[in-house]
Amino acid sequence: MEAIFEFSAALWEYGGENTWVFVTLPSESADEIAELVPRRPGFGSVKVHAQIGETEWATSLFPDKSLGSYVLPIKRSVRDREQLAIGDVADVTIRVILE
C-alpha cells in the first residue's frame, strides 16, 4: 500500500556550497504522513519513492522539527538531469511506502 502526495517547492541548501539540497513538504502533507506512518525507533525517517520531472528515485523523508515538516533530499544527479538549481521550484510527487 502507498500514499501519494504532489506539491511544488523551492530547492534549498543546508549549510554552505556543495552540501545537501532539500525541498520542504507542505505542512498539510507532512501532517498526513505523520498520521499514516507508524512511529519507529530511530530518528523518524519515512521511506518513499520520489519523482521530479522524468526522474524517479528511492529515498527517505526526514523530519525537521525546526520547520515542523519533513524534508526531501534532492540528489545532484536529479538536479542535473532536471536542470534544477538552488531556489528553483520543482513539481514533486512522492509515494510513501507503508509497510
PDB file of N, CA and C in Angstrom:
ATOM      1  N   MET A   1       0.843  -1.176   0.000  1.00  0.00           N
ATOM      2  CA  MET A   1       0.000   0.000   0.000  1.00  0.00           C
ATOM      3  C   MET A   1       0.889   1.240   0.000  1.00  0.00           C
ATOM      4  N   GLU A   2       0.443   2.311  -0.642  1.00  0.00           N
ATOM      5  CA  GLU A   2       1.194   3.550  -0.664  1.00  0.00           C
ATOM      6  C   GLU A   2       0.246   4.744  -0.667  1.00  0.00           C
ATOM      7  N   ALA A   3       0.761   5.867  -0.233  1.00  0.00           N
ATOM      8  CA  ALA A   3       0.021   7.123  -0.253  1.00  0.00           C
ATOM      9  C   ALA A   3       0.798   8.083  -1.139  1.00  0.00           C
ATOM     10  N   ILE A   4       0.094   8.813  -1.994  1.00  0.00           N
ATOM     11  CA  ILE A   4       0.741   9.695  -2.966  1.00  0.00           C
ATOM     12  C   ILE A   4       0.469  11.148  -2.607  1.00  0.00           C
ATOM     13  N   PHE A   5       1.528  11.956  -2.666  1.00  0.00           N
ATOM     14  CA  PHE A   5       1.440  13.390  -2.396  1.00  0.00           C
ATOM     15  C   PHE A   5       2.118  14.146  -3.531  1.00  0.00           C
ATOM     16  N   GLU A   6       1.478  15.205  -4.002  1.00  0.00           N
ATOM     17  CA  GLU A   6       2.032  16.050  -5.053  1.00  0.00           C
ATOM     18  C   GLU A   6       2.075  17.486  -4.547  1.00  0.00           C
ATOM     19  N   PHE A   7       3.192  18.165  -4.808  1.00  0.00           N
ATOM     20  CA  PHE A   7       3.346  19.539  -4.359  1.00  0.00           C
ATOM     21  C   PHE A   7       4.462  20.215  -5.155  1.00  0.00           C
ATOM     22  N   SER A   8       4.541  21.521  -5.043  1.00  0.00           N
ATOM     23  CA  SER A   8       5.627  22.305  -5.623  1.00  0.00           C
ATOM     24  C   SER A   8       6.383  22.945  -4.475  1.00  0.00           C
ATOM     25  N   ALA A   9       7.714  22.949  -4.571  1.00  0.00           N
ATOM     26  CA  ALA A   9       8.525  23.518  -3.502  1.00  0.00           C
ATOM     27  C   ALA A   9       9.873  23.977  -4.053  1.00  0.00           C
ATOM     28  N   ALA A  10      10.433  24.988  -3.402  1.00  0.00           N
ATOM     29  CA  ALA A  10      11.731  25.519  -3.794  1.00  0.00           C
ATOM     30  C   ALA A  10      12.862  24.668  -3.208  1.00  0.00           C
ATOM     31  N   LEU A  11      13.913  24.486  -3.989  1.00  0.00           N
ATOM     32  CA  LEU A  11      15.094  23.783  -3.521  1.00  0.00           C
ATOM     33  C   LEU A  11      15.910  24.719  -2.641  1.00  0.00           C
ATOM     34  N   TRP A  12      16.392  24.184  -1.515  1.00  0.00           N
ATOM     35  CA  TRP A  12      17.242  24.973  -0.629  1.00  0.00           C
ATOM     36  C   TRP A  12      18.422  24.132  -0.184  1.00  0.00           C
ATOM     37  N   GLU A  13      19.470  24.812   0.180  1.00  0.00           N
ATOM     38  CA  GLU A  13      20.730  24.165   0.516  1.00  0.00           C
ATOM     39  C   GLU A  13      20.960  24.222   2.020  1.00  0.00           C
ATOM     40  N   TYR A  14      21.347  23.095   2.578  1.00  0.00           N
ATOM     41  CA  TYR A  14      21.667  23.037   4.003  1.00  0.00           C
ATOM     42  C   TYR A  14      23.156  23.285   4.162  1.00  0.00           C
ATOM     43  N   GLY A  15      23.507  24.313   4.896  1.00  0.00           N
ATOM     44  CA  GLY A  15      24.918  24.630   5.096  1.00  0.00           C
ATOM     45  C   GLY A  15      25.443  25.488   3.969  1.00  0.00           C
ATOM     46  N   GLY A  16      26.656  25.217   3.549  1.00  0.00           N
ATOM     47  CA  GLY A  16      27.301  26.008   2.507  1.00  0.00           C
ATOM     48  C   GLY A  16      27.218  25.343   1.154  1.00  0.00           C
ATOM     49  N   GLU A  17      28.097  25.791   0.260  1.00  0.00           N
ATOM     50  CA  GLU A  17      28.102  25.232  -1.095  1.00  0.00           C
ATOM     51  C   GLU A  17      28.448  23.748  -1.070  1.00  0.00           C
ATOM     52  N   ASN A  18      27.932  23.039  -2.054  1.00  0.00           N
ATOM     53  CA  ASN A  18      28.212  21.611  -2.245  1.00  0.00           C
ATOM     54  C   ASN A  18      27.831  20.761  -1.039  1.00  0.00           C
ATOM     55  N   THR A  19      26.706  21.107  -0.413  1.00  0.00           N
ATOM     56  CA  THR A  19      26.199  20.312   0.699  1.00  0.00           C
ATOM     57  C   THR A  19      24.863  19.714   0.289  1.00  0.00           C
ATOM     58  N   TRP A  20      24.095  19.279   1.252  1.00  0.00           N
ATOM     59  CA  TRP A  20      22.798  18.669   0.987  1.00  0.00           C
ATOM     60  C   TRP A  20      21.816  19.699   0.446  1.00  0.00           C
ATOM     61  N   VAL A  21      20.959  19.242  -0.466  1.00  0.00           N
ATOM     62  CA  VAL A  21      19.895  20.079  -1.033  1.00  0.00           C
ATOM     63  C   VAL A  21      18.570  19.386  -0.764  1.00  0.00           C
ATOM     64  N   PHE A  22      17.577  20.167  -0.346  1.00  0.00           N
ATOM     65  CA  PHE A  22      16.272  19.628   0.042  1.00  0.00           C
ATOM     66  C   PHE A  22      15.139  20.457  -0.537  1.00  0.00           C
ATOM     67  N   VAL A  23      13.937  19.877  -0.485  1.00  0.00           N
ATOM     68  CA  VAL A  23      12.684  20.625  -0.548  1.00  0.00           C
ATOM     69  C   VAL A  23      11.928  20.295   0.731  1.00  0.00           C
ATOM     70  N   THR A  24      11.125  21.240   1.184  1.00  0.00           N
ATOM     71  CA  THR A  24      10.321  21.049   2.387  1.00  0.00           C
ATOM     72  C   THR A  24       8.899  20.720   1.976  1.00  0.00           C
ATOM     73  N   LEU A  25       8.339  19.679   2.557  1.00  0.00           N
ATOM     74  CA  LEU A  25       6.959  19.319   2.254  1.00  0.00           C
ATOM     75  C   LEU A  25       6.006  20.348   2.843  1.00  0.00           C
ATOM     76  N   PRO A  26       4.863  20.578   2.170  1.00  0.00           N
ATOM     77  CA  PRO A  26       3.839  21.442   2.760  1.00  0.00           C
ATOM     78  C   PRO A  26       3.386  20.844   4.101  1.00  0.00           C
ATOM     79  N   SER A  27       3.051  21.706   5.038  1.00  0.00           N
ATOM     80  CA  SER A  27       2.698  21.224   6.383  1.00  0.00           C
ATOM     81  C   SER A  27       1.507  20.273   6.359  1.00  0.00           C
ATOM     82  N   GLU A  28       0.548  20.513   5.452  1.00  0.00           N
ATOM     83  CA  GLU A  28      -0.623  19.626   5.385  1.00  0.00           C
ATOM     84  C   GLU A  28      -0.198  18.207   5.010  1.00  0.00           C
ATOM     85  N   SER A  29       0.694  18.096   4.029  1.00  0.00           N
ATOM     86  CA  SER A  29       1.178  16.776   3.611  1.00  0.00           C
ATOM     87  C   SER A  29       1.970  16.119   4.726  1.00  0.00           C
ATOM     88  N   ALA A  30       2.823  16.902   5.398  1.00  0.00           N
ATOM     89  CA  ALA A  30       3.626  16.367   6.497  1.00  0.00           C
ATOM     90  C   ALA A  30       2.737  15.838   7.615  1.00  0.00           C
ATOM     91  N   ASP A  31       1.680  16.570   7.918  1.00  0.00           N
ATOM     92  CA  ASP A  31       0.757  16.131   8.968  1.00  0.00           C
ATOM     93  C   ASP A  31       0.084  14.808   8.587  1.00  0.00           C
ATOM     94  N   GLU A  32      -0.337  14.690   7.316  1.00  0.00           N
ATOM     95  CA  GLU A  32      -0.981  13.453   6.861  1.00  0.00           C
ATOM     96  C   GLU A  32      -0.011  12.282   6.925  1.00  0.00           C
ATOM     97  N   ILE A  33       1.233  12.515   6.509  1.00  0.00           N
ATOM     98  CA  ILE A  33       2.237  11.451   6.530  1.00  0.00           C
ATOM     99  C   ILE A  33       2.506  11.014   7.966  1.00  0.00           C
ATOM    100  N   ALA A  34       2.626  11.960   8.875  1.00  0.00           N
ATOM    101  CA  ALA A  34       2.873  11.632  10.287  1.00  0.00           C
ATOM    102  C   ALA A  34       1.760  10.768  10.856  1.00  0.00           C
ATOM    103  N   GLU A  35       0.525  10.984  10.404  1.00  0.00           N
ATOM    104  CA  GLU A  35      -0.597  10.175  10.872  1.00  0.00           C
ATOM    105  C   GLU A  35      -0.598   8.786  10.237  1.00  0.00           C
ATOM    106  N   LEU A  36      -0.117   8.685   8.992  1.00  0.00           N
ATOM    107  CA  LEU A  36      -0.128   7.418   8.264  1.00  0.00           C
ATOM    108  C   LEU A  36       0.975   6.460   8.686  1.00  0.00           C
ATOM    109  N   VAL A  37       2.126   6.999   9.005  1.00  0.00           N
ATOM    110  CA  VAL A  37       3.309   6.178   9.231  1.00  0.00           C
ATOM    111  C   VAL A  37       3.448   5.854  10.716  1.00  0.00           C
ATOM    112  N   PRO A  38       3.512   4.577  11.053  1.00  0.00           N
ATOM    113  CA  PRO A  38       3.685   4.216  12.460  1.00  0.00           C
ATOM    114  C   PRO A  38       5.039   4.692  12.972  1.00  0.00           C
ATOM    115  N   ARG A  39       5.080   5.075  14.255  1.00  0.00           N
ATOM    116  CA  ARG A  39       6.344   5.500  14.874  1.00  0.00           C
ATOM    117  C   ARG A  39       7.286   4.316  14.923  1.00  0.00           C
ATOM    118  N   ARG A  40       8.517   4.561  14.490  1.00  0.00           N
ATOM    119  CA  ARG A  40       9.544   3.531  14.526  1.00  0.00           C
ATOM    120  C   ARG A  40      10.713   4.043  15.354  1.00  0.00           C
ATOM    121  N   PRO A  41      11.521   3.127  15.840  1.00  0.00           N
ATOM    122  CA  PRO A  41      12.712   3.571  16.553  1.00  0.00           C
ATOM    123  C   PRO A  41      13.614   4.367  15.602  1.00  0.00           C
ATOM    124  N   GLY A  42      14.453   5.208  16.158  1.00  0.00           N
ATOM    125  CA  GLY A  42      15.359   5.990  15.331  1.00  0.00           C
ATOM    126  C   GLY A  42      14.892   7.424  15.238  1.00  0.00           C
ATOM    127  N   PHE A  43      15.284   8.067  14.161  1.00  0.00           N
ATOM    128  CA  PHE A  43      15.014   9.495  14.047  1.00  0.00           C
ATOM    129  C   PHE A  43      13.794   9.836  13.209  1.00  0.00           C
ATOM    130  N   GLY A  44      12.998   8.859  12.820  1.00  0.00           N
ATOM    131  CA  GLY A  44      11.716   9.126  12.180  1.00  0.00           C
ATOM    132  C   GLY A  44      11.721   9.266  10.673  1.00  0.00           C
ATOM    133  N   SER A  45      12.713   8.683   9.991  1.00  0.00           N
ATOM    134  CA  SER A  45      12.716   8.767   8.532  1.00  0.00           C
ATOM    135  C   SER A  45      11.564   7.938   7.958  1.00  0.00           C
ATOM    136  N   VAL A  46      11.126   8.321   6.760  1.00  0.00           N
ATOM    137  CA  VAL A  46       9.999   7.665   6.100  1.00  0.00           C
ATOM    138  C   VAL A  46      10.438   7.281   4.689  1.00  0.00           C
ATOM    139  N   LYS A  47      10.332   5.994   4.358  1.00  0.00           N
ATOM    140  CA  LYS A  47      10.727   5.523   3.026  1.00  0.00           C
ATOM    141  C   LYS A  47       9.728   6.006   1.976  1.00  0.00           C
ATOM    142  N   VAL A  48      10.278   6.510   0.856  1.00  0.00           N
ATOM    143  CA  VAL A  48       9.434   6.992  -0.230  1.00  0.00           C
ATOM    144  C   VAL A  48      10.081   6.698  -1.578  1.00  0.00           C
ATOM    145  N   HIS A  49       9.268   6.757  -2.611  1.00  0.00           N
ATOM    146  CA  HIS A  49       9.733   6.873  -3.988  1.00  0.00           C
ATOM    147  C   HIS A  49       9.378   8.292  -4.387  1.00  0.00           C
ATOM    148  N   ALA A  50      10.353   8.995  -4.940  1.00  0.00           N
ATOM    149  CA  ALA A  50      10.148  10.394  -5.317  1.00  0.00           C
ATOM    150  C   ALA A  50      10.270  10.552  -6.819  1.00  0.00           C
ATOM    151  N   GLN A  51       9.604  11.597  -7.345  1.00  0.00           N
ATOM    152  CA  GLN A  51       9.704  11.896  -8.773  1.00  0.00           C
ATOM    153  C   GLN A  51       9.671  13.401  -8.966  1.00  0.00           C
ATOM    154  N   ILE A  52      10.608  13.870  -9.777  1.00  0.00           N
ATOM    155  CA  ILE A  52      10.614  15.242 -10.273  1.00  0.00           C
ATOM    156  C   ILE A  52      10.821  15.127 -11.771  1.00  0.00           C
ATOM    157  N   GLY A  53       9.906  15.681 -12.531  1.00  0.00           N
ATOM    158  CA  GLY A  53      10.003  15.554 -13.986  1.00  0.00           C
ATOM    159  C   GLY A  53       9.969  14.098 -14.383  1.00  0.00           C
ATOM    160  N   GLU A  54      10.962  13.682 -15.164  1.00  0.00           N
ATOM    161  CA  GLU A  54      11.047  12.293 -15.618  1.00  0.00           C
ATOM    162  C   GLU A  54      11.926  11.440 -14.698  1.00  0.00           C
ATOM    163  N   THR A  55      12.471  12.043 -13.669  1.00  0.00           N
ATOM    164  CA  THR A  55      13.427  11.343 -12.812  1.00  0.00           C
ATOM    165  C   THR A  55      12.745  10.789 -11.566  1.00  0.00           C
ATOM    166  N   GLU A  56      12.912   9.477 -11.340  1.00  0.00           N
ATOM    167  CA  GLU A  56      12.362   8.812 -10.163  1.00  0.00           C
ATOM    168  C   GLU A  56      13.506   8.184  -9.377  1.00  0.00           C
ATOM    169  N   TRP A  57      13.366   8.170  -8.052  1.00  0.00           N
ATOM    170  CA  TRP A  57      14.376   7.535  -7.221  1.00  0.00           C
ATOM    171  C   TRP A  57      13.775   7.137  -5.877  1.00  0.00           C
ATOM    172  N   ALA A  58      14.436   6.170  -5.223  1.00  0.00           N
ATOM    173  CA  ALA A  58      14.041   5.733  -3.887  1.00  0.00           C
ATOM    174  C   ALA A  58      14.873   6.508  -2.877  1.00  0.00           C
ATOM    175  N   THR A  59      14.233   6.989  -1.824  1.00  0.00           N
ATOM    176  CA  THR A  59      14.915   7.786  -0.815  1.00  0.00           C
ATOM    177  C   THR A  59      14.089   7.764   0.464  1.00  0.00           C
ATOM    178  N   SER A  60      14.368   8.682   1.344  1.00  0.00           N
ATOM    179  CA  SER A  60      13.601   8.818   2.577  1.00  0.00           C
ATOM    180  C   SER A  60      13.311  10.282   2.843  1.00  0.00           C
ATOM    181  N   LEU A  61      12.186  10.520   3.511  1.00  0.00           N
ATOM    182  CA  LEU A  61      11.896  11.839   4.058  1.00  0.00           C
ATOM    183  C   LEU A  61      12.492  11.881   5.451  1.00  0.00           C
ATOM    184  N   PHE A  62      12.895  13.067   5.877  1.00  0.00           N
ATOM    185  CA  PHE A  62      13.464  13.229   7.212  1.00  0.00           C
ATOM    186  C   PHE A  62      12.701  14.309   7.952  1.00  0.00           C
ATOM    187  N   PRO A  63      12.325  14.039   9.200  1.00  0.00           N
ATOM    188  CA  PRO A  63      11.612  15.065   9.962  1.00  0.00           C
ATOM    189  C   PRO A  63      12.560  16.207  10.318  1.00  0.00           C
ATOM    190  N   ASP A  64      12.038  17.424  10.261  1.00  0.00           N
ATOM    191  CA  ASP A  64      12.804  18.604  10.662  1.00  0.00           C
ATOM    192  C   ASP A  64      11.959  19.377  11.659  1.00  0.00           C
ATOM    193  N   LYS A  65      12.292  19.246  12.928  1.00  0.00           N
ATOM    194  CA  LYS A  65      11.486  19.876  13.978  1.00  0.00           C
ATOM    195  C   LYS A  65      11.475  21.387  13.857  1.00  0.00           C
ATOM    196  N   SER A  66      12.580  21.984  13.421  1.00  0.00           N
ATOM    197  CA  SER A  66      12.628  23.445  13.310  1.00  0.00           C
ATOM    198  C   SER A  66      11.680  23.963  12.238  1.00  0.00           C
ATOM    199  N   LEU A  67      11.431  23.165  11.205  1.00  0.00           N
ATOM    200  CA  LEU A  67      10.494  23.546  10.144  1.00  0.00           C
ATOM    201  C   LEU A  67       9.084  23.025  10.412  1.00  0.00           C
ATOM    202  N   GLY A  68       8.957  22.070  11.314  1.00  0.00           N
ATOM    203  CA  GLY A  68       7.660  21.470  11.587  1.00  0.00           C
ATOM    204  C   GLY A  68       7.136  20.673  10.410  1.00  0.00           C
ATOM    205  N   SER A  69       8.050  20.046   9.667  1.00  0.00           N
ATOM    206  CA  SER A  69       7.669  19.312   8.469  1.00  0.00           C
ATOM    207  C   SER A  69       8.700  18.220   8.206  1.00  0.00           C
ATOM    208  N   TYR A  70       8.552  17.570   7.064  1.00  0.00           N
ATOM    209  CA  TYR A  70       9.556  16.654   6.553  1.00  0.00           C
ATOM    210  C   TYR A  70      10.312  17.356   5.445  1.00  0.00           C
ATOM    211  N   VAL A  71      11.571  16.925   5.245  1.00  0.00           N
ATOM    212  CA  VAL A  71      12.354  17.415   4.117  1.00  0.00           C
ATOM    213  C   VAL A  71      12.727  16.235   3.240  1.00  0.00           C
ATOM    214  N   LEU A  72      12.804  16.505   1.944  1.00  0.00           N
ATOM    215  CA  LEU A  72      13.151  15.500   0.949  1.00  0.00           C
ATOM    216  C   LEU A  72      14.491  15.884   0.330  1.00  0.00           C
ATOM    217  N   PRO A  73      15.519  15.024   0.456  1.00  0.00           N
ATOM    218  CA  PRO A  73      16.798  15.341  -0.178  1.00  0.00           C
ATOM    219  C   PRO A  73      16.699  15.184  -1.698  1.00  0.00           C
ATOM    220  N   ILE A  74      17.297  16.126  -2.409  1.00  0.00           N
ATOM    221  CA  ILE A  74      17.311  16.096  -3.878  1.00  0.00           C
ATOM    222  C   ILE A  74      18.755  15.868  -4.313  1.00  0.00           C
ATOM    223  N   LYS A  75      19.038  14.668  -4.792  1.00  0.00           N
ATOM    224  CA  LYS A  75      20.397  14.290  -5.183  1.00  0.00           C
ATOM    225  C   LYS A  75      20.888  15.146  -6.356  1.00  0.00           C
ATOM    226  N   ARG A  76      22.212  15.313  -6.419  1.00  0.00           N
ATOM    227  CA  ARG A  76      22.822  16.067  -7.518  1.00  0.00           C
ATOM    228  C   ARG A  76      22.425  15.487  -8.874  1.00  0.00           C
ATOM    229  N   SER A  77      22.384  14.163  -8.984  1.00  0.00           N
ATOM    230  CA  SER A  77      22.034  13.548 -10.270  1.00  0.00           C
ATOM    231  C   SER A  77      20.627  13.951 -10.706  1.00  0.00           C
ATOM    232  N   VAL A  78      19.709  14.068  -9.762  1.00  0.00           N
ATOM    233  CA  VAL A  78      18.342  14.513 -10.079  1.00  0.00           C
ATOM    234  C   VAL A  78      18.362  15.977 -10.499  1.00  0.00           C
ATOM    235  N   ARG A  79      19.059  16.812  -9.750  1.00  0.00           N
ATOM    236  CA  ARG A  79      19.142  18.238 -10.079  1.00  0.00           C
ATOM    237  C   ARG A  79      19.758  18.452 -11.456  1.00  0.00           C
ATOM    238  N   ASP A  80      20.818  17.702 -11.747  1.00  0.00           N
ATOM    239  CA  ASP A  80      21.473  17.831 -13.052  1.00  0.00           C
ATOM    240  C   ASP A  80      20.548  17.385 -14.172  1.00  0.00           C
ATOM    241  N   ARG A  81      19.920  16.232 -13.998  1.00  0.00           N
ATOM    242  CA  ARG A  81      19.053  15.699 -15.061  1.00  0.00           C
ATOM    243  C   ARG A  81      17.853  16.602 -15.314  1.00  0.00           C
ATOM    244  N   GLU A  82      17.289  17.180 -14.264  1.00  0.00           N
ATOM    245  CA  GLU A  82      16.101  18.027 -14.392  1.00  0.00           C
ATOM    246  C   GLU A  82      16.448  19.520 -14.502  1.00  0.00           C
ATOM    247  N   GLN A  83      17.741  19.817 -14.570  1.00  0.00           N
ATOM    248  CA  GLN A  83      18.245  21.190 -14.732  1.00  0.00           C
ATOM    249  C   GLN A  83      17.688  22.121 -13.654  1.00  0.00           C
ATOM    250  N   LEU A  84      17.873  21.706 -12.399  1.00  0.00           N
ATOM    251  CA  LEU A  84      17.381  22.470 -11.256  1.00  0.00           C
ATOM    252  C   LEU A  84      18.552  23.066 -10.477  1.00  0.00           C
ATOM    253  N   ALA A  85      18.352  24.280 -10.001  1.00  0.00           N
ATOM    254  CA  ALA A  85      19.353  24.960  -9.179  1.00  0.00           C
ATOM    255  C   ALA A  85      18.711  25.366  -7.863  1.00  0.00           C
ATOM    256  N   ILE A  86      19.535  25.737  -6.894  1.00  0.00           N
ATOM    257  CA  ILE A  86      19.040  26.208  -5.604  1.00  0.00           C
ATOM    258  C   ILE A  86      18.097  27.378  -5.844  1.00  0.00           C
ATOM    259  N   GLY A  87      16.926  27.343  -5.211  1.00  0.00           N
ATOM    260  CA  GLY A  87      15.928  28.396  -5.374  1.00  0.00           C
ATOM    261  C   GLY A  87      14.879  28.101  -6.426  1.00  0.00           C
ATOM    262  N   ASP A  88      15.164  27.170  -7.343  1.00  0.00           N
ATOM    263  CA  ASP A  88      14.163  26.792  -8.344  1.00  0.00           C
ATOM    264  C   ASP A  88      13.011  26.063  -7.661  1.00  0.00           C
ATOM    265  N   VAL A  89      11.825  26.197  -8.224  1.00  0.00           N
ATOM    266  CA  VAL A  89      10.657  25.487  -7.710  1.00  0.00           C
ATOM    267  C   VAL A  89      10.446  24.234  -8.556  1.00  0.00           C
ATOM    268  N   ALA A  90      10.345  23.095  -7.885  1.00  0.00           N
ATOM    269  CA  ALA A  90      10.144  21.811  -8.563  1.00  0.00           C
ATOM    270  C   ALA A  90       8.768  21.265  -8.243  1.00  0.00           C
ATOM    271  N   ASP A  91       8.174  20.594  -9.221  1.00  0.00           N
ATOM    272  CA  ASP A  91       6.941  19.844  -9.004  1.00  0.00           C
ATOM    273  C   ASP A  91       7.347  18.436  -8.577  1.00  0.00           C
ATOM    274  N   VAL A  92       6.919  18.059  -7.382  1.00  0.00           N
ATOM    275  CA  VAL A  92       7.377  16.831  -6.750  1.00  0.00           C
ATOM    276  C   VAL A  92       6.198  15.892  -6.517  1.00  0.00           C
ATOM    277  N   THR A  93       6.423  14.618  -6.792  1.00  0.00           N
ATOM    278  CA  THR A  93       5.478  13.569  -6.406  1.00  0.00           C
ATOM    279  C   THR A  93       6.218  12.613  -5.502  1.00  0.00           C
ATOM    280  N   ILE A  94       5.629  12.310  -4.360  1.00  0.00           N
ATOM    281  CA  ILE A  94       6.213  11.283  -3.501  1.00  0.00           C
ATOM    282  C   ILE A  94       5.163  10.218  -3.229  1.00  0.00           C
ATOM    283  N   ARG A  95       5.647   8.997  -3.197  1.00  0.00           N
ATOM    284  CA  ARG A  95       4.823   7.834  -2.857  1.00  0.00           C
ATOM    285  C   ARG A  95       5.382   7.275  -1.555  1.00  0.00           C
ATOM    286  N   VAL A  96       4.618   7.432  -0.494  1.00  0.00           N
ATOM    287  CA  VAL A  96       5.060   6.949   0.803  1.00  0.00           C
ATOM    288  C   VAL A  96       4.858   5.442   0.850  1.00  0.00           C
ATOM    289  N   ILE A  97       5.910   4.725   1.232  1.00  0.00           N
ATOM    290  CA  ILE A  97       5.850   3.273   1.313  1.00  0.00           C
ATOM    291  C   ILE A  97       5.336   2.909   2.702  1.00  0.00           C
ATOM    292  N   LEU A  98       4.136   2.376   2.741  1.00  0.00           N
ATOM    293  CA  LEU A  98       3.508   1.979   4.009  1.00  0.00           C
ATOM    294  C   LEU A  98       3.690   0.484   4.173  1.00  0.00           C
ATOM    295  N   GLU A  99       4.436   0.099   5.170  1.00  0.00           N
ATOM    296  CA  GLU A  99       4.741  -1.333   5.369  1.00  0.00           C
ATOM    297  C   GLU A  99       3.897  -1.907   6.471  1.00  0.00           C
TER     298      GLU A  99
END
